[in-house]
Amino acid sequence: MSASTTRTRILGALRLALAAFLLIASLVVVIWRQGESHQTLRQLDRLRRDHAAARAEQAMLQRHKQRLESRGQIIEKAETDLHMRLPEGEEIFIVTEPGGGGP
């Protein structure tokens, strides 16, 4: 074998090794990027679930607030907790402003 042939074989082997290295490196990068993408998608799914749960809780709290603000609930709490009652007809009177001014 001549030096030229040996040199050509070494260069060919180096080219093949470089091509294999670049192929493996590119595959590693692709796998890493896919792993990052999957992690980001899992985080997005978790955030969407958290957001949906927060919205459901907000809706539940809004309904609870409306129930507590209802006239029936206020009357019931005033009667049971504060021992108050609605006035009878003769107990109701209208207060007017001094000087004859009306509402």
PDB file of N, CA and C in Angstrom:
ATOM      1  N   MET A   1       0.831  -1.165   0.000  1.00  0.00           N
ATOM      2  CA  MET A   1       0.000   0.000   0.000  1.00  0.00           C
ATOM      3  C   MET A   1       0.874   1.224   0.000  1.00  0.00           C
ATOM      4  N   SER A   2       0.435   2.160  -0.746  1.00  0.00           N
ATOM      5  CA  SER A   2       1.211   3.388  -0.817  1.00  0.00           C
ATOM      6  C   SER A   2       0.707   4.364   0.235  1.00  0.00           C
ATOM      7  N   ALA A   3       1.497   5.375   0.464  1.00  0.00           N
ATOM      8  CA  ALA A   3       1.149   6.389   1.456  1.00  0.00           C
ATOM      9  C   ALA A   3      -0.116   7.124   1.051  1.00  0.00           C
ATOM     10  N   SER A   4      -0.311   7.299  -0.230  1.00  0.00           N
ATOM     11  CA  SER A   4      -1.497   7.995  -0.732  1.00  0.00           C
ATOM     12  C   SER A   4      -2.754   7.193  -0.447  1.00  0.00           C
ATOM     13  N   THR A   5      -2.684   5.887  -0.637  1.00  0.00           N
ATOM     14  CA  THR A   5      -3.846   5.025  -0.390  1.00  0.00           C
ATOM     15  C   THR A   5      -4.161   4.992   1.104  1.00  0.00           C
ATOM     16  N   THR A   6      -3.137   4.898   1.924  1.00  0.00           N
ATOM     17  CA  THR A   6      -3.340   4.885   3.369  1.00  0.00           C
ATOM     18  C   THR A   6      -3.944   6.196   3.833  1.00  0.00           C
ATOM     19  N   ARG A   7      -3.423   7.255   3.277  1.00  0.00           N
ATOM     20  CA  ARG A   7      -3.942   8.585   3.632  1.00  0.00           C
ATOM     21  C   ARG A   7      -5.408   8.720   3.209  1.00  0.00           C
ATOM     22  N   THR A   8      -5.765   8.240   2.048  1.00  0.00           N
ATOM     23  CA  THR A   8      -7.142   8.293   1.548  1.00  0.00           C
ATOM     24  C   THR A   8      -8.054   7.475   2.458  1.00  0.00           C
ATOM     25  N   ARG A   9      -7.604   6.309   2.892  1.00  0.00           N
ATOM     26  CA  ARG A   9      -8.408   5.472   3.786  1.00  0.00           C
ATOM     27  C   ARG A   9      -8.607   6.159   5.142  1.00  0.00           C
ATOM     28  N   ILE A  10      -7.559   6.777   5.660  1.00  0.00           N
ATOM     29  CA  ILE A  10      -7.661   7.472   6.950  1.00  0.00           C
ATOM     30  C   ILE A  10      -8.632   8.641   6.834  1.00  0.00           C
ATOM     31  N   LEU A  11      -8.511   9.403   5.723  1.00  0.00           N
ATOM     32  CA  LEU A  11      -9.442  10.525   5.521  1.00  0.00           C
ATOM     33  C   LEU A  11     -10.878  10.029   5.373  1.00  0.00           C
ATOM     34  N   GLY A  12     -11.066   8.939   4.686  1.00  0.00           N
ATOM     35  CA  GLY A  12     -12.398   8.350   4.520  1.00  0.00           C
ATOM     36  C   GLY A  12     -12.972   7.915   5.864  1.00  0.00           C
ATOM     37  N   ALA A  13     -12.126   7.281   6.670  1.00  0.00           N
ATOM     38  CA  ALA A  13     -12.573   6.834   7.992  1.00  0.00           C
ATOM     39  C   ALA A  13     -12.904   8.028   8.877  1.00  0.00           C
ATOM     40  N   LEU A  14     -12.064   9.087   8.779  1.00  0.00           N
ATOM     41  CA  LEU A  14     -12.347  10.302   9.562  1.00  0.00           C
ATOM     42  C   LEU A  14     -13.648  10.960   9.121  1.00  0.00           C
ATOM     43  N   ARG A  15     -13.869  10.988   7.830  1.00  0.00           N
ATOM     44  CA  ARG A  15     -15.124  11.564   7.310  1.00  0.00           C
ATOM     45  C   ARG A  15     -16.318  10.756   7.796  1.00  0.00           C
ATOM     46  N   LEU A  16     -16.178   9.436   7.753  1.00  0.00           N
ATOM     47  CA  LEU A  16     -17.257   8.566   8.209  1.00  0.00           C
ATOM     48  C   LEU A  16     -17.507   8.770   9.713  1.00  0.00           C
ATOM     49  N   ALA A  17     -16.419   8.861  10.494  1.00  0.00           N
ATOM     50  CA  ALA A  17     -16.557   9.085  11.934  1.00  0.00           C
ATOM     51  C   ALA A  17     -17.185  10.446  12.211  1.00  0.00           C
ATOM     52  N   LEU A  18     -16.774  11.466  11.460  1.00  0.00           N
ATOM     53  CA  LEU A  18     -17.352  12.802  11.628  1.00  0.00           C
ATOM     54  C   LEU A  18     -18.835  12.801  11.262  1.00  0.00           C
ATOM     55  N   ALA A  19     -19.196  12.126  10.187  1.00  0.00           N
ATOM     56  CA  ALA A  19     -20.604  12.046   9.774  1.00  0.00           C
ATOM     57  C   ALA A  19     -21.420  11.323  10.841  1.00  0.00           C
ATOM     58  N   ALA A  20     -20.873  10.222  11.386  1.00  0.00           N
ATOM     59  CA  ALA A  20     -21.579   9.476  12.433  1.00  0.00           C
ATOM     60  C   ALA A  20     -21.735  10.334  13.687  1.00  0.00           C
ATOM     61  N   PHE A  21     -20.678  11.061  14.041  1.00  0.00           N
ATOM     62  CA  PHE A  21     -20.744  11.941  15.210  1.00  0.00           C
ATOM     63  C   PHE A  21     -21.802  13.017  15.016  1.00  0.00           C
ATOM     64  N   LEU A  22     -21.819  13.648  13.839  1.00  0.00           N
ATOM     65  CA  LEU A  22     -22.808  14.697  13.567  1.00  0.00           C
ATOM     66  C   LEU A  22     -24.228  14.134  13.571  1.00  0.00           C
ATOM     67  N   LEU A  23     -24.402  12.937  13.051  1.00  0.00           N
ATOM     68  CA  LEU A  23     -25.726  12.311  13.051  1.00  0.00           C
ATOM     69  C   LEU A  23     -26.188  12.044  14.480  1.00  0.00           C
ATOM     70  N   ILE A  24     -25.292  11.471  15.280  1.00  0.00           N
ATOM     71  CA  ILE A  24     -25.639  11.182  16.679  1.00  0.00           C
ATOM     72  C   ILE A  24     -25.905  12.475  17.436  1.00  0.00           C
ATOM     73  N   ALA A  25     -25.074  13.501  17.214  1.00  0.00           N
ATOM     74  CA  ALA A  25     -25.273  14.784  17.893  1.00  0.00           C
ATOM     75  C   ALA A  25     -26.618  15.396  17.505  1.00  0.00           C
ATOM     76  N   SER A  26     -26.974  15.332  16.238  1.00  0.00           N
ATOM     77  CA  SER A  26     -28.258  15.903  15.815  1.00  0.00           C
ATOM     78  C   SER A  26     -29.422  15.119  16.414  1.00  0.00           C
ATOM     79  N   LEU A  27     -29.276  13.790  16.515  1.00  0.00           N
ATOM     80  CA  LEU A  27     -30.333  12.989  17.138  1.00  0.00           C
ATOM     81  C   LEU A  27     -30.469  13.326  18.626  1.00  0.00           C
ATOM     82  N   VAL A  28     -29.361  13.551  19.301  1.00  0.00           N
ATOM     83  CA  VAL A  28     -29.405  13.934  20.713  1.00  0.00           C
ATOM     84  C   VAL A  28     -30.109  15.273  20.864  1.00  0.00           C
ATOM     85  N   VAL A  29     -29.831  16.223  20.001  1.00  0.00           N
ATOM     86  CA  VAL A  29     -30.479  17.536  20.064  1.00  0.00           C
ATOM     87  C   VAL A  29     -31.981  17.400  19.828  1.00  0.00           C
ATOM     88  N   VAL A  30     -32.365  16.562  18.863  1.00  0.00           N
ATOM     89  CA  VAL A  30     -33.792  16.369  18.576  1.00  0.00           C
ATOM     90  C   VAL A  30     -34.491  15.746  19.788  1.00  0.00           C
ATOM     91  N   ILE A  31     -33.870  14.747  20.390  1.00  0.00           N
ATOM     92  CA  ILE A  31     -34.462  14.102  21.568  1.00  0.00           C
ATOM     93  C   ILE A  31     -34.574  15.100  22.716  1.00  0.00           C
ATOM     94  N   TRP A  32     -33.561  15.909  22.924  1.00  0.00           N
ATOM     95  CA  TRP A  32     -33.595  16.908  23.997  1.00  0.00           C
ATOM     96  C   TRP A  32     -34.725  17.913  23.764  1.00  0.00           C
ATOM     97  N   ARG A  33     -34.856  18.376  22.507  1.00  0.00           N
ATOM     98  CA  ARG A  33     -35.909  19.358  22.196  1.00  0.00           C
ATOM     99  C   ARG A  33     -37.288  18.748  22.391  1.00  0.00           C
ATOM    100  N   GLN A  34     -37.446  17.487  22.004  1.00  0.00           N
ATOM    101  CA  GLN A  34     -38.742  16.831  22.210  1.00  0.00           C
ATOM    102  C   GLN A  34     -39.050  16.696  23.697  1.00  0.00           C
ATOM    103  N   GLY A  35     -38.034  16.379  24.485  1.00  0.00           N
ATOM    104  CA  GLY A  35     -38.227  16.297  25.935  1.00  0.00           C
ATOM    105  C   GLY A  35     -38.644  17.639  26.507  1.00  0.00           C
ATOM    106  N   GLU A  36     -38.003  18.706  26.059  1.00  0.00           N
ATOM    107  CA  GLU A  36     -38.379  20.054  26.504  1.00  0.00           C
ATOM    108  C   GLU A  36     -39.810  20.388  26.079  1.00  0.00           C
ATOM    109  N   SER A  37     -40.162  20.006  24.867  1.00  0.00           N
ATOM    110  CA  SER A  37     -41.526  20.271  24.377  1.00  0.00           C
ATOM    111  C   SER A  37     -42.553  19.526  25.217  1.00  0.00           C
ATOM    112  N   HIS A  38     -42.269  18.272  25.532  1.00  0.00           N
ATOM    113  CA  HIS A  38     -43.203  17.499  26.358  1.00  0.00           C
ATOM    114  C   HIS A  38     -43.329  18.104  27.752  1.00  0.00           C
ATOM    115  N   GLN A  39     -42.226  18.558  28.301  1.00  0.00           N
ATOM    116  CA  GLN A  39     -42.275  19.186  29.625  1.00  0.00           C
ATOM    117  C   GLN A  39     -43.101  20.471  29.570  1.00  0.00           C
ATOM    118  N   THR A  40     -42.919  21.264  28.536  1.00  0.00           N
ATOM    119  CA  THR A  40     -43.689  22.500  28.385  1.00  0.00           C
ATOM    120  C   THR A  40     -45.175  22.192  28.221  1.00  0.00           C
ATOM    121  N   LEU A  41     -45.502  21.153  27.454  1.00  0.00           N
ATOM    122  CA  LEU A  41     -46.905  20.775  27.285  1.00  0.00           C
ATOM    123  C   LEU A  41     -47.511  20.281  28.601  1.00  0.00           C
ATOM    124  N   ARG A  42     -46.746  19.554  29.402  1.00  0.00           N
ATOM    125  CA  ARG A  42     -47.247  19.119  30.709  1.00  0.00           C
ATOM    126  C   ARG A  42     -47.517  20.328  31.607  1.00  0.00           C
ATOM    127  N   GLN A  43     -46.621  21.301  31.574  1.00  0.00           N
ATOM    128  CA  GLN A  43     -46.833  22.514  32.371  1.00  0.00           C
ATOM    129  C   GLN A  43     -48.074  23.263  31.891  1.00  0.00           C
ATOM    130  N   LEU A  44     -48.245  23.341  30.577  1.00  0.00           N
ATOM    131  CA  LEU A  44     -49.420  24.016  30.018  1.00  0.00           C
ATOM    132  C   LEU A  44     -50.701  23.303  30.438  1.00  0.00           C
ATOM    133  N   ASP A  45     -50.706  21.974  30.383  1.00  0.00           N
ATOM    134  CA  ASP A  45     -51.879  21.217  30.822  1.00  0.00           C
ATOM    135  C   ASP A  45     -52.171  21.453  32.297  1.00  0.00           C
ATOM    136  N   ARG A  46     -51.114  21.468  33.132  1.00  0.00           N
ATOM    137  CA  ARG A  46     -51.295  21.716  34.554  1.00  0.00           C
ATOM    138  C   ARG A  46     -51.869  23.114  34.792  1.00  0.00           C
ATOM    139  N   LEU A  47     -51.356  24.110  34.063  1.00  0.00           N
ATOM    140  CA  LEU A  47     -51.860  25.476  34.207  1.00  0.00           C
ATOM    141  C   LEU A  47     -53.309  25.582  33.744  1.00  0.00           C
ATOM    142  N   ARG A  48     -53.648  24.873  32.681  1.00  0.00           N
ATOM    143  CA  ARG A  48     -55.046  24.889  32.216  1.00  0.00           C
ATOM    144  C   ARG A  48     -55.972  24.254  33.244  1.00  0.00           C
ATOM    145  N   ARG A  49     -55.533  23.141  33.856  1.00  0.00           N
ATOM    146  CA  ARG A  49     -56.352  22.511  34.900  1.00  0.00           C
ATOM    147  C   ARG A  49     -56.497  23.441  36.100  1.00  0.00           C
ATOM    148  N   ASP A  50     -55.398  24.076  36.495  1.00  0.00           N
ATOM    149  CA  ASP A  50     -55.452  25.018  37.624  1.00  0.00           C
ATOM    150  C   ASP A  50     -56.382  26.188  37.315  1.00  0.00           C
ATOM    151  N   HIS A  51     -56.310  26.689  36.074  1.00  0.00           N
ATOM    152  CA  HIS A  51     -57.164  27.813  35.666  1.00  0.00           C
ATOM    153  C   HIS A  51     -58.629  27.390  35.676  1.00  0.00           C
ATOM    154  N   ALA A  52     -58.920  26.199  35.166  1.00  0.00           N
ATOM    155  CA  ALA A  52     -60.309  25.715  35.162  1.00  0.00           C
ATOM    156  C   ALA A  52     -60.813  25.534  36.591  1.00  0.00           C
ATOM    157  N   ALA A  53     -59.956  25.019  37.466  1.00  0.00           N
ATOM    158  CA  ALA A  53     -60.366  24.842  38.863  1.00  0.00           C
ATOM    159  C   ALA A  53     -60.607  26.196  39.527  1.00  0.00           C
ATOM    160  N   ALA A  54     -59.763  27.171  39.236  1.00  0.00           N
ATOM    161  CA  ALA A  54     -59.937  28.508  39.816  1.00  0.00           C
ATOM    162  C   ALA A  54     -61.222  29.152  39.311  1.00  0.00           C
ATOM    163  N   ARG A  55     -61.520  28.971  38.030  1.00  0.00           N
ATOM    164  CA  ARG A  55     -62.768  29.537  37.490  1.00  0.00           C
ATOM    165  C   ARG A  55     -63.990  28.857  38.108  1.00  0.00           C
ATOM    166  N   ALA A  56     -63.911  27.550  38.309  1.00  0.00           N
ATOM    167  CA  ALA A  56     -65.026  26.837  38.941  1.00  0.00           C
ATOM    168  C   ALA A  56     -65.209  27.311  40.382  1.00  0.00           C
ATOM    169  N   GLU A  57     -64.100  27.498  41.079  1.00  0.00           N
ATOM    170  CA  GLU A  57     -64.190  27.997  42.453  1.00  0.00           C
ATOM    171  C   GLU A  57     -64.752  29.418  42.479  1.00  0.00           C
ATOM    172  N   GLN A  58     -64.340  30.238  41.518  1.00  0.00           N
ATOM    173  CA  GLN A  58     -64.850  31.606  41.441  1.00  0.00           C
ATOM    174  C   GLN A  58     -66.364  31.592  41.209  1.00  0.00           C
ATOM    175  N   ALA A  59     -66.825  30.730  40.316  1.00  0.00           N
ATOM    176  CA  ALA A  59     -68.262  30.639  40.044  1.00  0.00           C
ATOM    177  C   ALA A  59     -69.019  30.168  41.289  1.00  0.00           C
ATOM    178  N   MET A  60     -68.444  29.183  42.004  1.00  0.00           N
ATOM    179  CA  MET A  60     -69.072  28.688  43.221  1.00  0.00           C
ATOM    180  C   MET A  60     -69.139  29.785  44.276  1.00  0.00           C
ATOM    181  N   LEU A  61     -68.057  30.543  44.434  1.00  0.00           N
ATOM    182  CA  LEU A  61     -68.046  31.630  45.411  1.00  0.00           C
ATOM    183  C   LEU A  61     -69.025  32.738  45.023  1.00  0.00           C
ATOM    184  N   GLN A  62     -69.157  33.006  43.738  1.00  0.00           N
ATOM    185  CA  GLN A  62     -70.105  34.019  43.277  1.00  0.00           C
ATOM    186  C   GLN A  62     -71.538  33.587  43.597  1.00  0.00           C
ATOM    187  N   ARG A  63     -71.848  32.302  43.360  1.00  0.00           N
ATOM    188  CA  ARG A  63     -73.191  31.802  43.694  1.00  0.00           C
ATOM    189  C   ARG A  63     -73.430  31.885  45.202  1.00  0.00           C
ATOM    190  N   HIS A  64     -72.434  31.520  45.982  1.00  0.00           N
ATOM    191  CA  HIS A  64     -72.549  31.581  47.441  1.00  0.00           C
ATOM    192  C   HIS A  64     -72.773  33.024  47.898  1.00  0.00           C
ATOM    193  N   LYS A  65     -72.039  33.958  47.298  1.00  0.00           N
ATOM    194  CA  LYS A  65     -72.190  35.375  47.637  1.00  0.00           C
ATOM    195  C   LYS A  65     -73.604  35.859  47.300  1.00  0.00           C
ATOM    196  N   GLN A  66     -74.106  35.486  46.130  1.00  0.00           N
ATOM    197  CA  GLN A  66     -75.455  35.909  45.742  1.00  0.00           C
ATOM    198  C   GLN A  66     -76.495  35.326  46.697  1.00  0.00           C
ATOM    199  N   ARG A  67     -76.285  34.079  47.121  1.00  0.00           N
ATOM    200  CA  ARG A  67     -77.229  33.476  48.061  1.00  0.00           C
ATOM    201  C   ARG A  67     -77.190  34.216  49.395  1.00  0.00           C
ATOM    202  N   LEU A  68     -75.978  34.564  49.856  1.00  0.00           N
ATOM    203  CA  LEU A  68     -75.870  35.275  51.129  1.00  0.00           C
ATOM    204  C   LEU A  68     -76.451  36.679  51.049  1.00  0.00           C
ATOM    205  N   GLU A  69     -76.396  37.301  49.882  1.00  0.00           N
ATOM    206  CA  GLU A  69     -76.925  38.658  49.718  1.00  0.00           C
ATOM    207  C   GLU A  69     -78.421  38.678  49.453  1.00  0.00           C
ATOM    208  N   SER A  70     -79.039  37.520  49.293  1.00  0.00           N
ATOM    209  CA  SER A  70     -80.468  37.488  48.973  1.00  0.00           C
ATOM    210  C   SER A  70     -81.296  37.948  50.172  1.00  0.00           C
ATOM    211  N   ARG A  71     -82.436  38.525  49.877  1.00  0.00           N
ATOM    212  CA  ARG A  71     -83.310  39.056  50.925  1.00  0.00           C
ATOM    213  C   ARG A  71     -83.733  37.959  51.896  1.00  0.00           C
ATOM    214  N   GLY A  72     -84.065  36.805  51.372  1.00  0.00           N
ATOM    215  CA  GLY A  72     -84.493  35.703  52.230  1.00  0.00           C
ATOM    216  C   GLY A  72     -83.407  35.288  53.212  1.00  0.00           C
ATOM    217  N   GLN A  73     -82.175  35.221  52.747  1.00  0.00           N
ATOM    218  CA  GLN A  73     -81.068  34.840  53.616  1.00  0.00           C
ATOM    219  C   GLN A  73     -80.812  35.904  54.685  1.00  0.00           C
ATOM    220  N   ILE A  74     -80.901  37.171  54.283  1.00  0.00           N
ATOM    221  CA  ILE A  74     -80.681  38.266  55.243  1.00  0.00           C
ATOM    222  C   ILE A  74     -81.765  38.258  56.317  1.00  0.00           C
ATOM    223  N   ILE A  75     -83.000  38.064  55.901  1.00  0.00           N
ATOM    224  CA  ILE A  75     -84.102  38.014  56.872  1.00  0.00           C
ATOM    225  C   ILE A  75     -83.928  36.832  57.817  1.00  0.00           C
ATOM    226  N   GLU A  76     -83.578  35.682  57.270  1.00  0.00           N
ATOM    227  CA  GLU A  76     -83.390  34.488  58.104  1.00  0.00           C
ATOM    228  C   GLU A  76     -82.268  34.699  59.131  1.00  0.00           C
ATOM    229  N   LYS A  77     -81.142  35.250  58.700  1.00  0.00           N
ATOM    230  CA  LYS A  77     -80.021  35.487  59.621  1.00  0.00           C
ATOM    231  C   LYS A  77     -80.386  36.546  60.668  1.00  0.00           C
ATOM    232  N   ALA A  78     -81.100  37.580  60.244  1.00  0.00           N
ATOM    233  CA  ALA A  78     -81.504  38.622  61.195  1.00  0.00           C
ATOM    234  C   ALA A  78     -82.426  38.035  62.258  1.00  0.00           C
ATOM    235  N   GLU A  79     -83.329  37.143  61.850  1.00  0.00           N
ATOM    236  CA  GLU A  79     -84.256  36.539  62.810  1.00  0.00           C
ATOM    237  C   GLU A  79     -83.537  35.561  63.738  1.00  0.00           C
ATOM    238  N   THR A  80     -82.707  34.693  63.186  1.00  0.00           N
ATOM    239  CA  THR A  80     -82.101  33.643  64.016  1.00  0.00           C
ATOM    240  C   THR A  80     -80.902  34.143  64.820  1.00  0.00           C
ATOM    241  N   ASP A  81     -80.028  34.916  64.219  1.00  0.00           N
ATOM    242  CA  ASP A  81     -78.798  35.327  64.903  1.00  0.00           C
ATOM    243  C   ASP A  81     -78.968  36.609  65.716  1.00  0.00           C
ATOM    244  N   LEU A  82     -79.769  37.547  65.217  1.00  0.00           N
ATOM    245  CA  LEU A  82     -79.889  38.852  65.876  1.00  0.00           C
ATOM    246  C   LEU A  82     -81.237  39.035  66.581  1.00  0.00           C
ATOM    247  N   HIS A  83     -82.117  38.032  66.476  1.00  0.00           N
ATOM    248  CA  HIS A  83     -83.442  38.069  67.095  1.00  0.00           C
ATOM    249  C   HIS A  83     -84.222  39.300  66.646  1.00  0.00           C
ATOM    250  N   MET A  84     -84.135  39.594  65.374  1.00  0.00           N
ATOM    251  CA  MET A  84     -84.885  40.707  64.789  1.00  0.00           C
ATOM    252  C   MET A  84     -86.097  40.126  64.067  1.00  0.00           C
ATOM    253  N   ARG A  85     -87.035  41.001  63.754  1.00  0.00           N
ATOM    254  CA  ARG A  85     -88.211  40.586  62.989  1.00  0.00           C
ATOM    255  C   ARG A  85     -88.607  41.715  62.051  1.00  0.00           C
ATOM    256  N   LEU A  86     -89.407  41.369  61.062  1.00  0.00           N
ATOM    257  CA  LEU A  86     -89.922  42.392  60.152  1.00  0.00           C
ATOM    258  C   LEU A  86     -90.987  43.195  60.886  1.00  0.00           C
ATOM    259  N   PRO A  87     -91.044  44.495  60.668  1.00  0.00           N
ATOM    260  CA  PRO A  87     -92.044  45.302  61.365  1.00  0.00           C
ATOM    261  C   PRO A  87     -93.455  45.033  60.836  1.00  0.00           C
ATOM    262  N   GLU A  88     -94.413  45.186  61.715  1.00  0.00           N
ATOM    263  CA  GLU A  88     -95.819  45.085  61.329  1.00  0.00           C
ATOM    264  C   GLU A  88     -96.223  46.403  60.684  1.00  0.00           C
ATOM    265  N   GLY A  89     -97.395  46.443  60.085  1.00  0.00           N
ATOM    266  CA  GLY A  89     -97.857  47.622  59.368  1.00  0.00           C
ATOM    267  C   GLY A  89     -97.884  48.889  60.198  1.00  0.00           C
ATOM    268  N   GLU A  90     -98.380  48.800  61.456  1.00  0.00           N
ATOM    269  CA  GLU A  90     -98.476  50.005  62.285  1.00  0.00           C
ATOM    270  C   GLU A  90     -97.114  50.418  62.846  1.00  0.00           C
ATOM    271  N   GLU A  91     -96.112  49.556  62.721  1.00  0.00           N
ATOM    272  CA  GLU A  91     -94.781  49.891  63.216  1.00  0.00           C
ATOM    273  C   GLU A  91     -93.929  50.614  62.168  1.00  0.00           C
ATOM    274  N   ILE A  92     -94.420  50.700  60.978  1.00  0.00           N
ATOM    275  CA  ILE A  92     -93.678  51.341  59.891  1.00  0.00           C
ATOM    276  C   ILE A  92     -94.107  52.795  59.801  1.00  0.00           C
ATOM    277  N   PHE A  93     -93.163  53.705  59.791  1.00  0.00           N
ATOM    278  CA  PHE A  93     -93.481  55.113  59.545  1.00  0.00           C
ATOM    279  C   PHE A  93     -92.376  55.703  58.675  1.00  0.00           C
ATOM    280  N   ILE A  94     -92.700  56.716  57.940  1.00  0.00           N
ATOM    281  CA  ILE A  94     -91.794  57.336  56.989  1.00  0.00           C
ATOM    282  C   ILE A  94     -91.268  58.629  57.600  1.00  0.00           C
ATOM    283  N   VAL A  95     -89.987  58.788  57.573  1.00  0.00           N
ATOM    284  CA  VAL A  95     -89.335  59.970  58.104  1.00  0.00           C
ATOM    285  C   VAL A  95     -89.114  60.943  56.940  1.00  0.00           C
ATOM    286  N   THR A  96     -89.582  62.151  57.116  1.00  0.00           N
ATOM    287  CA  THR A  96     -89.380  63.163  56.062  1.00  0.00           C
ATOM    288  C   THR A  96     -88.363  64.168  56.525  1.00  0.00           C
ATOM    289  N   GLU A  97     -87.819  64.907  55.589  1.00  0.00           N
ATOM    290  CA  GLU A  97     -86.849  65.929  55.906  1.00  0.00           C
ATOM    291  C   GLU A  97     -87.535  67.126  56.574  1.00  0.00           C
ATOM    292  N   PRO A  98     -86.870  67.791  57.497  1.00  0.00           N
ATOM    293  CA  PRO A  98     -87.456  68.987  58.090  1.00  0.00           C
ATOM    294  C   PRO A  98     -87.702  70.043  57.011  1.00  0.00           C
ATOM    295  N   GLY A  99     -88.713  70.789  57.105  1.00  0.00           N
ATOM    296  CA  GLY A  99     -89.005  71.845  56.132  1.00  0.00           C
ATOM    297  C   GLY A  99     -89.930  71.388  55.034  1.00  0.00           C
ATOM    298  N   GLY A 100     -90.522  70.206  55.150  1.00  0.00           N
ATOM    299  CA  GLY A 100     -91.500  69.788  54.193  1.00  0.00           C
ATOM    300  C   GLY A 100     -90.949  69.133  52.938  1.00  0.00           C
ATOM    301  N   GLY A 101     -89.629  68.960  52.838  1.00  0.00           N
ATOM    302  CA  GLY A 101     -89.054  68.304  51.656  1.00  0.00           C
ATOM    303  C   GLY A 101     -89.395  66.827  51.636  1.00  0.00           C
ATOM    304  N   GLY A 102     -89.732  66.349  50.497  1.00  0.00           N
ATOM    305  CA  GLY A 102     -90.083  64.938  50.358  1.00  0.00           C
ATOM    306  C   GLY A 102     -88.944  64.173  49.718  1.00  0.00           C
ATOM    307  N   PRO A 103     -89.201  62.932  49.452  1.00  0.00           N
ATOM    308  CA  PRO A 103     -88.175  62.086  48.850  1.00  0.00           C
ATOM    309  C   PRO A 103     -87.784  62.465  47.446  1.00  0.00           C
TER     310      PRO A 103
END
